[in-house]
Amino acid sequence: MNHEVHERNEKILYKNECYAVQGAIFDVYREMGCGFLEGVYQECLEKELKNRNIAFVSQQELKLKNQVTT
């Protein structure tokens, strides 16, 4: 499927919130550039999200469970 057509037909939930988070991510990348380890970007993004009053949970634990098949 053509990516541009797919995006036009898709409705985004929480569009304004997604836009705000993407803006924070792009600003961090613009400021820091490339070449750092993931932890550096994570810390910078946490600070940027706090500055923008965007609620987030850092390093949220995911609980996975095995699915038993018979």
C-alpha atoms as a PDB file:
ATOM      1  CA  MET A   1       0.000   0.000   0.000  1.00  0.00           C
ATOM      2  CA  ASN A   2       1.239   3.465  -0.816  1.00  0.00           C
ATOM      3  CA  HIS A   3       2.468   5.051   2.428  1.00  0.00           C
ATOM      4  CA  GLU A   4       1.064   8.520   1.649  1.00  0.00           C
ATOM      5  CA  VAL A   5      -2.403   7.175   0.801  1.00  0.00           C
ATOM      6  CA  HIS A   6      -2.396   4.994   3.914  1.00  0.00           C
ATOM      7  CA  GLU A   7      -1.606   7.978   6.158  1.00  0.00           C
ATOM      8  CA  ARG A   8      -4.394  10.117   4.675  1.00  0.00           C
ATOM      9  CA  ASN A   9      -6.977   7.408   5.272  1.00  0.00           C
ATOM     10  CA  GLU A  10      -5.871   6.616   8.815  1.00  0.00           C
ATOM     11  CA  LYS A  11      -7.335   8.485  11.777  1.00  0.00           C
ATOM     12  CA  ILE A  12      -4.827   9.134  14.538  1.00  0.00           C
ATOM     13  CA  LEU A  13      -6.060   8.916  18.102  1.00  0.00           C
ATOM     14  CA  TYR A  14      -4.664  11.678  20.335  1.00  0.00           C
ATOM     15  CA  LYS A  15      -3.313  13.577  17.333  1.00  0.00           C
ATOM     16  CA  ASN A  16      -2.306  16.672  19.334  1.00  0.00           C
ATOM     17  CA  GLU A  17      -0.535  14.567  21.959  1.00  0.00           C
ATOM     18  CA  CYS A  18       1.348  12.613  19.277  1.00  0.00           C
ATOM     19  CA  TYR A  19       2.388  15.877  17.637  1.00  0.00           C
ATOM     20  CA  ALA A  20       3.685  17.244  20.965  1.00  0.00           C
ATOM     21  CA  VAL A  21       5.716  14.100  21.695  1.00  0.00           C
ATOM     22  CA  GLN A  22       7.157  14.046  18.174  1.00  0.00           C
ATOM     23  CA  GLY A  23       8.141  17.704  18.551  1.00  0.00           C
ATOM     24  CA  ALA A  24       9.992  16.896  21.769  1.00  0.00           C
ATOM     25  CA  ILE A  25      11.801  14.000  20.098  1.00  0.00           C
ATOM     26  CA  PHE A  26      12.836  16.108  17.098  1.00  0.00           C
ATOM     27  CA  ASP A  27      14.044  18.949  19.327  1.00  0.00           C
ATOM     28  CA  VAL A  28      16.207  16.558  21.353  1.00  0.00           C
ATOM     29  CA  TYR A  29      17.689  15.120  18.172  1.00  0.00           C
ATOM     30  CA  ARG A  30      18.311  18.606  16.733  1.00  0.00           C
ATOM     31  CA  GLU A  31      20.075  19.668  19.935  1.00  0.00           C
ATOM     32  CA  MET A  32      22.083  16.487  20.539  1.00  0.00           C
ATOM     33  CA  GLY A  33      22.729  15.228  17.017  1.00  0.00           C
ATOM     34  CA  CYS A  34      23.728  11.629  16.490  1.00  0.00           C
ATOM     35  CA  GLY A  35      26.357   9.364  18.004  1.00  0.00           C
ATOM     36  CA  PHE A  36      25.280   8.994  21.614  1.00  0.00           C
ATOM     37  CA  LEU A  37      24.129   5.869  23.378  1.00  0.00           C
ATOM     38  CA  GLU A  38      20.401   5.336  23.877  1.00  0.00           C
ATOM     39  CA  GLY A  39      20.573   6.260  27.577  1.00  0.00           C
ATOM     40  CA  VAL A  40      21.737   9.790  26.725  1.00  0.00           C
ATOM     41  CA  TYR A  41      18.781  10.380  24.412  1.00  0.00           C
ATOM     42  CA  GLN A  42      16.411   8.872  26.966  1.00  0.00           C
ATOM     43  CA  GLU A  43      17.598  11.224  29.694  1.00  0.00           C
ATOM     44  CA  CYS A  44      17.401  14.232  27.381  1.00  0.00           C
ATOM     45  CA  LEU A  45      13.925  13.256  26.213  1.00  0.00           C
ATOM     46  CA  GLU A  46      12.750  12.855  29.806  1.00  0.00           C
ATOM     47  CA  LYS A  47      13.946  16.382  30.558  1.00  0.00           C
ATOM     48  CA  GLU A  48      12.298  17.739  27.406  1.00  0.00           C
ATOM     49  CA  LEU A  49       8.991  16.021  28.196  1.00  0.00           C
ATOM     50  CA  LYS A  50       9.079  17.451  31.733  1.00  0.00           C
ATOM     51  CA  ASN A  51       9.802  20.934  30.338  1.00  0.00           C
ATOM     52  CA  ARG A  52       6.772  20.602  28.076  1.00  0.00           C
ATOM     53  CA  ASN A  53       4.572  19.228  30.888  1.00  0.00           C
ATOM     54  CA  ILE A  54       3.971  15.994  28.987  1.00  0.00           C
ATOM     55  CA  ALA A  55       3.207  13.128  31.348  1.00  0.00           C
ATOM     56  CA  PHE A  56       5.240   9.950  30.856  1.00  0.00           C
ATOM     57  CA  VAL A  57       6.496   6.882  32.683  1.00  0.00           C
ATOM     58  CA  SER A  58      10.176   6.149  32.297  1.00  0.00           C
ATOM     59  CA  GLN A  59      11.341   2.551  31.969  1.00  0.00           C
ATOM     60  CA  GLN A  60       7.856   1.110  32.526  1.00  0.00           C
ATOM     61  CA  GLU A  61       8.058  -2.572  33.400  1.00  0.00           C
ATOM     62  CA  LEU A  62       6.266  -4.848  30.980  1.00  0.00           C
ATOM     63  CA  LYS A  63       4.777  -8.012  32.362  1.00  0.00           C
ATOM     64  CA  LEU A  64       4.727 -10.758  29.792  1.00  0.00           C
ATOM     65  CA  LYS A  65       3.041 -14.090  30.167  1.00  0.00           C
ATOM     66  CA  ASN A  66       3.606 -17.232  28.183  1.00  0.00           C
ATOM     67  CA  GLN A  67       0.760 -18.449  26.110  1.00  0.00           C
ATOM     68  CA  VAL A  68       0.367 -22.196  26.405  1.00  0.00           C
ATOM     69  CA  THR A  69      -0.656 -23.963  23.259  1.00  0.00           C
ATOM     70  CA  THR A  70      -1.892 -27.529  23.210  1.00  0.00           C
END
